[in-house]
């Protein structure tokens, strides 16, 4: 996926006259960055190391301007257990849930599952705290046995030491991009339909024909604006910059009282919109969700990439404090 995004960005930038070099995120990237004489870096690296602040830190050490969020925002967006705390502190609508650390739970997934059912509810979503693309995410119906919850926690722990367990909020899967070239602006929201899968999981995302999307999402104007407002607020709550894509569940209308959708009546807030996560490096192929929404907003892929690259270049490298001398007479032994 990262190489596909890189190819899409490179093609777009070349169309507007930029000279582009594509680098692999490997053991040689630091030397390539140091000696390449590059004006600006456009990260297209999804997931661990590339999206979690690691690459961003390297770029700051190299004093290179780069597109996207800085080290801290990248790290907290990647780690959902931290992002949830910041979202809640900002008054944003997150689902009721708990964080289960493998060590604190003694590695006992069965006990963790019983706690989750007791404290969160019967219908659940289990996910690893970090990583993306819905890897390790499991939806669990209220009628499922407790062993299924334990297995889902084990799967999440295989990816991350922390598993997030949230109440299962039923609804429409919606995402909203934010473009921040000095002031964050929400792009038109997109509704995602997983045609053959229970939700927009890894298979639905990357298998041709397994998902479709509509932009703008077919929501009433007031709800669309609400989604956009929360997207911008989430982007700002994490300290993001330049671009992000924010994922949501928009609640379905309430059905009969005996329907399983009402098993967990309280999702932890009173908004029809539940905030899931912020992606600081969204997919950037020509048919990805973020460029598609930008096009509806009036920006072609070349215009979008050009604007982001120029904005990052104008911002320049991360500022560093000037070195200071120790006070006179101070001696330090190393």
Protein backbone atom coordinates (compact mmCIF):
# COMPACT_ATOMS: atom_id res chain seq x y z
CA UNK A 1 0.00 0.00 0.00
CA UNK A 2 2.82 2.41 0.82
CA UNK A 3 4.45 1.84 -2.58
CA UNK A 4 1.08 2.38 -4.30
CA UNK A 5 0.59 5.67 -2.45
CA UNK A 6 4.16 6.72 -3.28
CA UNK A 7 3.56 5.99 -6.97
CA UNK A 8 0.35 8.04 -6.92
CA UNK A 9 2.03 10.99 -5.20
CA UNK A 10 5.10 10.85 -7.48
CA UNK A 11 2.96 10.83 -10.63
CA UNK A 12 0.89 13.76 -9.35
CA UNK A 13 3.94 15.84 -8.42
CA UNK A 14 5.68 15.11 -11.73
CA UNK A 15 2.58 16.31 -13.60
CA UNK A 16 3.02 19.77 -12.09
CA UNK A 17 6.75 19.96 -12.74
CA UNK A 18 8.44 18.62 -9.62
CA UNK A 19 11.43 16.30 -9.82
CA UNK A 20 10.66 13.28 -7.66
CA UNK A 21 12.85 10.56 -6.19
CA UNK A 22 11.25 7.59 -4.44
CA UNK A 23 13.08 6.08 -1.47
CA UNK A 24 12.45 2.83 0.34
CA UNK A 25 12.08 2.96 4.13
CA UNK A 26 15.00 0.65 4.81
CA UNK A 27 18.34 0.61 6.62
CA UNK A 28 19.84 2.94 4.01
CA UNK A 29 17.20 5.65 4.09
CA UNK A 30 19.02 7.90 6.58
CA UNK A 31 22.10 8.08 4.34
CA UNK A 32 19.93 8.62 1.26
CA UNK A 33 18.17 11.51 2.98
CA UNK A 34 21.45 13.00 4.20
CA UNK A 35 23.16 12.98 0.83
CA UNK A 36 20.23 13.46 -1.55
CA UNK A 37 19.97 17.25 -1.46
CA UNK A 38 16.18 17.08 -1.24
CA UNK A 39 14.02 20.19 -0.80
CA UNK A 40 11.08 18.46 0.88
CA UNK A 41 10.00 14.94 1.83
CA UNK A 42 6.48 13.59 1.22
CA UNK A 43 6.04 10.49 3.45
CA UNK A 44 3.77 7.82 1.99
CA UNK A 45 4.62 5.19 4.59
CA UNK A 46 1.59 3.59 6.20
CA UNK A 47 1.74 1.81 9.55
CA UNK A 48 4.53 1.13 12.01
CA UNK A 49 7.82 3.04 11.70
CA UNK A 50 6.55 5.17 8.81
CA UNK A 51 3.42 6.66 10.37
CA UNK A 52 4.08 6.46 14.12
CA UNK A 53 6.59 9.29 14.50
CA UNK A 54 9.71 7.22 13.83
CA UNK A 55 10.30 8.43 10.28
CA UNK A 56 9.18 11.91 11.27
CA UNK A 57 11.85 11.98 13.98
CA UNK A 58 14.50 10.94 11.48
CA UNK A 59 13.43 13.74 9.14
CA UNK A 60 13.72 16.25 11.96
CA UNK A 61 17.20 15.02 12.85
CA UNK A 62 18.10 15.42 9.16
CA UNK A 63 16.66 18.98 9.18
CA UNK A 64 14.41 18.19 6.22
CA UNK A 65 10.96 19.75 5.73
CA UNK A 66 8.28 17.11 5.35
CA UNK A 67 4.59 16.80 4.61
CA UNK A 68 2.29 15.67 7.39
CA UNK A 69 2.04 15.61 11.14
CA UNK A 70 5.03 15.94 13.42
CA UNK A 71 6.56 13.36 15.71
CA UNK A 72 4.17 13.69 18.65
CA UNK A 73 0.93 13.89 16.68
CA UNK A 74 1.98 10.95 14.52
CA UNK A 75 2.74 8.85 17.60
CA UNK A 76 -0.46 9.59 19.50
CA UNK A 77 -2.64 9.09 16.42
CA UNK A 78 -1.08 5.68 15.88
CA UNK A 79 -1.63 4.60 19.49
CA UNK A 80 -5.38 4.54 19.97
CA UNK A 81 -5.24 4.18 23.76
CA UNK A 82 -3.53 7.59 23.94
CA UNK A 83 -5.69 9.17 21.23
CA UNK A 84 -8.85 8.09 23.06
CA UNK A 85 -7.73 9.99 26.17
CA UNK A 86 -7.07 13.15 24.16
CA UNK A 87 -10.39 12.84 22.29
CA UNK A 88 -12.29 12.45 25.56
CA UNK A 89 -10.45 15.42 27.10
CA UNK A 90 -11.56 17.51 24.11
CA UNK A 91 -15.18 16.43 24.63
CA UNK A 92 -15.34 14.36 21.45
CA UNK A 93 -17.70 11.36 21.10
CA UNK A 94 -15.70 8.16 21.64
CA UNK A 95 -17.28 4.78 22.31
CA UNK A 96 -17.34 3.46 25.86
CA UNK A 97 -14.42 1.09 26.28
CA UNK A 98 -11.39 -0.10 28.22
CA UNK A 99 -7.73 -0.74 27.51
CA UNK A 100 -6.36 -4.16 28.45
CA UNK A 101 -2.61 -4.48 28.84
CA UNK A 102 -1.34 -8.01 28.42
CA UNK A 103 1.14 -7.75 31.32
CA UNK A 104 -1.38 -6.17 33.70
CA UNK A 105 -3.82 -8.97 32.81
CA UNK A 106 -1.16 -11.62 33.43
CA UNK A 107 -1.61 -12.74 29.84
CA UNK A 108 -4.98 -14.25 30.81
CA UNK A 109 -7.24 -13.50 27.86
CA UNK A 110 -10.18 -15.38 29.40
CA UNK A 111 -10.15 -13.18 32.51
CA UNK A 112 -9.73 -10.10 30.30
CA UNK A 113 -12.72 -11.20 28.24
CA UNK A 114 -14.91 -11.58 31.33
CA UNK A 115 -13.88 -8.10 32.46
CA UNK A 116 -14.69 -6.67 29.03
CA UNK A 117 -18.15 -8.21 28.97
CA UNK A 118 -18.78 -6.96 32.52
CA UNK A 119 -17.49 -3.41 32.12
CA UNK A 120 -18.14 -2.63 28.46
CA UNK A 121 -21.06 -4.74 27.25
CA UNK A 122 -21.95 -7.88 25.37
CA UNK A 123 -21.56 -6.70 21.77
CA UNK A 124 -17.95 -5.56 21.38
CA UNK A 125 -15.21 -4.41 19.05
CA UNK A 126 -11.67 -5.55 19.94
CA UNK A 127 -8.63 -3.97 18.33
CA UNK A 128 -4.90 -3.57 18.93
CA UNK A 129 -3.92 -0.16 20.25
CA UNK A 130 -1.58 0.49 17.34
CA UNK A 131 -1.34 -0.31 13.62
CA UNK A 132 -3.94 0.40 10.97
CA UNK A 133 -5.84 -1.01 7.99
CA UNK A 134 -8.18 -2.75 10.47
CA UNK A 135 -5.51 -5.39 11.11
CA UNK A 136 -6.39 -7.38 14.23
CA UNK A 137 -9.85 -5.80 14.56
CA UNK A 138 -12.70 -8.15 15.52
CA UNK A 139 -16.41 -7.40 15.84
CA UNK A 140 -18.24 -9.60 18.33
CA UNK A 141 -22.01 -10.02 18.44
CA UNK A 142 -23.80 -10.03 21.78
CA UNK A 143 -24.78 -13.67 21.29
CA UNK A 144 -21.16 -14.82 20.81
CA UNK A 145 -19.62 -17.01 23.53
CA UNK A 146 -17.03 -15.59 25.90
CA UNK A 147 -14.33 -17.71 24.20
CA UNK A 148 -14.80 -15.60 21.07
CA UNK A 149 -14.02 -12.45 23.06
CA UNK A 150 -10.92 -14.10 24.56
CA UNK A 151 -9.72 -15.17 21.10
CA UNK A 152 -10.16 -11.62 19.79
CA UNK A 153 -8.11 -10.24 22.70
CA UNK A 154 -5.40 -12.80 22.01
CA UNK A 155 -5.31 -11.71 18.36
CA UNK A 156 -4.99 -8.07 19.38
CA UNK A 157 -2.23 -8.89 21.89
CA UNK A 158 -0.32 -10.70 19.14
CA UNK A 159 0.01 -7.30 17.44
CA UNK A 160 0.27 -4.92 20.39
CA UNK A 161 0.70 -5.25 24.16
CA UNK A 162 -2.48 -3.20 24.58
CA UNK A 163 -5.93 -4.27 23.36
CA UNK A 164 -8.77 -1.76 23.11
CA UNK A 165 -12.25 -3.13 23.78
CA UNK A 166 -15.17 -0.86 22.89
CA UNK A 167 -18.92 -1.20 22.77
CA UNK A 168 -20.05 -2.31 19.30
CA UNK A 169 -21.73 0.75 17.75
CA UNK A 170 -23.85 -0.25 14.77
CA UNK A 171 -24.12 2.22 11.96
CA UNK A 172 -22.78 3.56 8.72
CA UNK A 173 -19.04 3.67 8.14
CA UNK A 174 -18.04 7.22 7.25
CA UNK A 175 -14.66 8.89 6.85
CA UNK A 176 -13.78 12.57 6.54
CA UNK A 177 -10.54 14.09 5.35
CA UNK A 178 -9.03 17.25 6.80
CA UNK A 179 -6.80 19.54 4.71
CA UNK A 180 -4.73 21.89 6.84
CA UNK A 181 -2.71 24.44 4.88
CA UNK A 182 -2.67 26.94 7.71
CA UNK A 183 -6.28 26.47 8.79
CA UNK A 184 -7.90 23.00 8.94
CA UNK A 185 -10.78 22.51 6.52
CA UNK A 186 -12.95 19.40 6.42
CA UNK A 187 -13.33 17.75 3.03
CA UNK A 188 -16.67 16.23 2.00
CA UNK A 189 -17.33 13.07 4.08
CA UNK A 190 -17.36 9.70 2.34
CA UNK A 191 -19.57 6.73 3.17
CA UNK A 192 -17.94 3.31 2.78
CA UNK A 193 -19.81 0.11 1.93
CA UNK A 194 -18.14 -3.26 2.48
CA UNK A 195 -19.99 -5.29 -0.13
CA UNK A 196 -19.07 -8.83 0.99
CA UNK A 197 -17.56 -8.28 4.44
CA UNK A 198 -19.03 -7.51 7.88
CA UNK A 199 -17.20 -4.18 7.94
CA UNK A 200 -14.41 -2.27 6.17
CA UNK A 201 -11.72 -4.76 7.18
CA UNK A 202 -8.33 -5.46 5.61
CA UNK A 203 -9.81 -7.68 2.91
CA UNK A 204 -12.51 -5.17 2.01
CA UNK A 205 -9.96 -2.34 1.81
CA UNK A 206 -7.47 -3.95 -0.54
CA UNK A 207 -9.38 -6.51 -2.61
CA UNK A 208 -10.83 -5.05 -5.83
CA UNK A 209 -14.62 -5.07 -5.81
CA UNK A 210 -14.99 -5.78 -2.09
CA UNK A 211 -15.93 -2.19 -1.19
CA UNK A 212 -17.53 0.88 -2.67
CA UNK A 213 -17.74 4.45 -1.45
CA UNK A 214 -19.92 7.49 -2.06
CA UNK A 215 -18.66 11.05 -1.70
CA UNK A 216 -20.31 13.16 -0.45
CA UNK A 217 -21.92 10.70 1.95
CA UNK A 218 -25.69 10.56 1.66
CA UNK A 219 -26.39 12.09 5.07
CA UNK A 220 -28.58 15.09 5.79
CA UNK A 221 -26.81 18.45 5.72
CA UNK A 222 -26.83 18.90 9.49
CA UNK A 223 -25.27 15.48 10.10
CA UNK A 224 -22.66 16.03 7.38
CA UNK A 225 -21.63 19.28 9.05
CA UNK A 226 -21.49 17.51 12.43
CA UNK A 227 -19.13 14.88 11.01
CA UNK A 228 -16.94 17.59 9.50
CA UNK A 229 -16.83 19.57 12.74
CA UNK A 230 -15.74 16.52 14.73
CA UNK A 231 -13.13 15.64 12.09
CA UNK A 232 -11.51 19.06 12.43
CA UNK A 233 -11.74 18.92 16.23
CA UNK A 234 -10.09 15.46 16.30
CA UNK A 235 -7.33 16.66 13.95
CA UNK A 236 -6.67 19.59 16.28
CA UNK A 237 -6.96 17.55 19.49
CA UNK A 238 -4.00 15.41 18.41
CA UNK A 239 -2.02 18.36 17.08
CA UNK A 240 -2.06 17.12 13.48
CA UNK A 241 -1.07 19.26 10.53
CA UNK A 242 -1.29 19.29 6.73
CA UNK A 243 -3.62 16.33 6.22
CA UNK A 244 -5.47 13.59 8.05
CA UNK A 245 -8.42 11.28 7.55
CA UNK A 246 -10.83 10.72 10.42
CA UNK A 247 -13.00 7.59 10.68
CA UNK A 248 -16.48 7.40 12.20
CA UNK A 249 -19.55 5.29 12.78
CA UNK A 250 -22.79 7.17 12.19
CA UNK A 251 -25.53 5.48 14.20
CA UNK A 252 -28.41 3.75 12.52
CA UNK A 253 -31.94 4.82 13.52
CA UNK A 254 -33.13 2.97 16.60
CA UNK A 255 -35.12 -0.17 15.93
CA UNK A 256 -37.29 -2.33 18.12
CA UNK A 257 -36.48 -2.67 21.81
CA UNK A 258 -35.79 -6.38 21.43
CA UNK A 259 -33.27 -5.90 18.64
CA UNK A 260 -29.71 -6.87 19.47
CA UNK A 261 -28.61 -3.37 18.43
CA UNK A 262 -30.09 -2.20 21.75
CA UNK A 263 -28.27 -4.69 23.95
CA UNK A 264 -25.75 -2.00 24.90
CA UNK A 265 -27.97 1.07 25.07
CA UNK A 266 -25.21 3.45 26.15
CA UNK A 267 -22.26 3.91 23.82
CA UNK A 268 -20.65 6.44 26.13
CA UNK A 269 -21.95 9.67 24.54
CA UNK A 270 -25.15 11.19 23.17
CA UNK A 271 -23.97 12.03 19.65
CA UNK A 272 -25.22 10.16 16.55
CA UNK A 273 -21.55 10.13 15.47
CA UNK A 274 -18.86 7.98 17.11
CA UNK A 275 -15.24 8.96 16.51
CA UNK A 276 -12.98 5.96 15.84
CA UNK A 277 -9.50 7.16 14.90
CA UNK A 278 -7.34 9.65 13.02
CA UNK A 279 -5.05 8.52 10.19
CA UNK A 280 -2.14 10.91 9.70
CA UNK A 281 -0.96 9.35 6.42
CA UNK A 282 -4.10 8.37 4.50
CA UNK A 283 -3.91 6.35 1.31
CA UNK A 284 -2.84 8.50 -1.63
CA UNK A 285 -3.47 6.48 -4.76
CA UNK A 286 -5.59 8.17 -7.40
CA UNK A 287 -8.63 6.19 -6.22
CA UNK A 288 -8.01 6.42 -2.45
CA UNK A 289 -10.60 7.95 -0.15
CA UNK A 290 -8.67 11.13 0.67
CA UNK A 291 -7.80 12.22 -2.90
CA UNK A 292 -11.33 11.34 -3.99
CA UNK A 293 -12.79 13.68 -1.35
CA UNK A 294 -10.27 16.38 -2.30
CA UNK A 295 -11.43 16.11 -5.91
CA UNK A 296 -15.05 16.62 -4.84
CA UNK A 297 -13.78 19.63 -2.86
CA UNK A 298 -12.26 20.97 -6.09
CA UNK A 299 -8.62 19.85 -5.87
CA UNK A 300 -7.21 17.40 -8.38
CA UNK A 301 -4.56 14.92 -7.24
CA UNK A 302 -1.71 17.01 -8.76
CA UNK A 303 -3.09 20.20 -7.19
CA UNK A 304 -3.46 18.49 -3.81
CA UNK A 305 0.04 17.03 -3.73
CA UNK A 306 1.57 20.24 -5.03
CA UNK A 307 -0.17 22.32 -2.35
CA UNK A 308 0.96 19.94 0.42
CA UNK A 309 4.56 19.84 -0.79
CA UNK A 310 4.78 23.62 -1.16
CA UNK A 311 3.21 24.19 2.25
CA UNK A 312 5.71 21.85 3.92
CA UNK A 313 8.61 23.48 2.08
CA UNK A 314 7.48 26.95 3.17
CA UNK A 315 7.25 25.76 6.78
CA UNK A 316 10.82 24.51 6.59
CA UNK A 317 12.62 22.07 8.89
CA UNK A 318 11.63 21.66 12.52
CA UNK A 319 12.98 24.47 14.66
CA UNK A 320 15.76 23.68 17.09
CA UNK A 321 16.84 25.57 20.15
CA UNK A 322 20.16 27.33 19.81
CA UNK A 323 22.93 25.72 21.89
CA UNK A 324 23.69 27.40 25.19
CA UNK A 325 26.87 27.50 27.20
CA UNK A 326 26.94 26.23 30.78
CA UNK A 327 27.20 28.98 33.41
CA UNK A 328 30.73 30.18 34.08
CA UNK A 329 32.59 28.06 36.58
CA UNK A 330 30.38 24.99 36.03
CA UNK A 331 32.27 21.75 35.65
CA UNK A 332 30.75 18.60 34.23
CA UNK A 333 32.34 15.18 34.34
CA UNK A 334 31.28 12.79 31.60
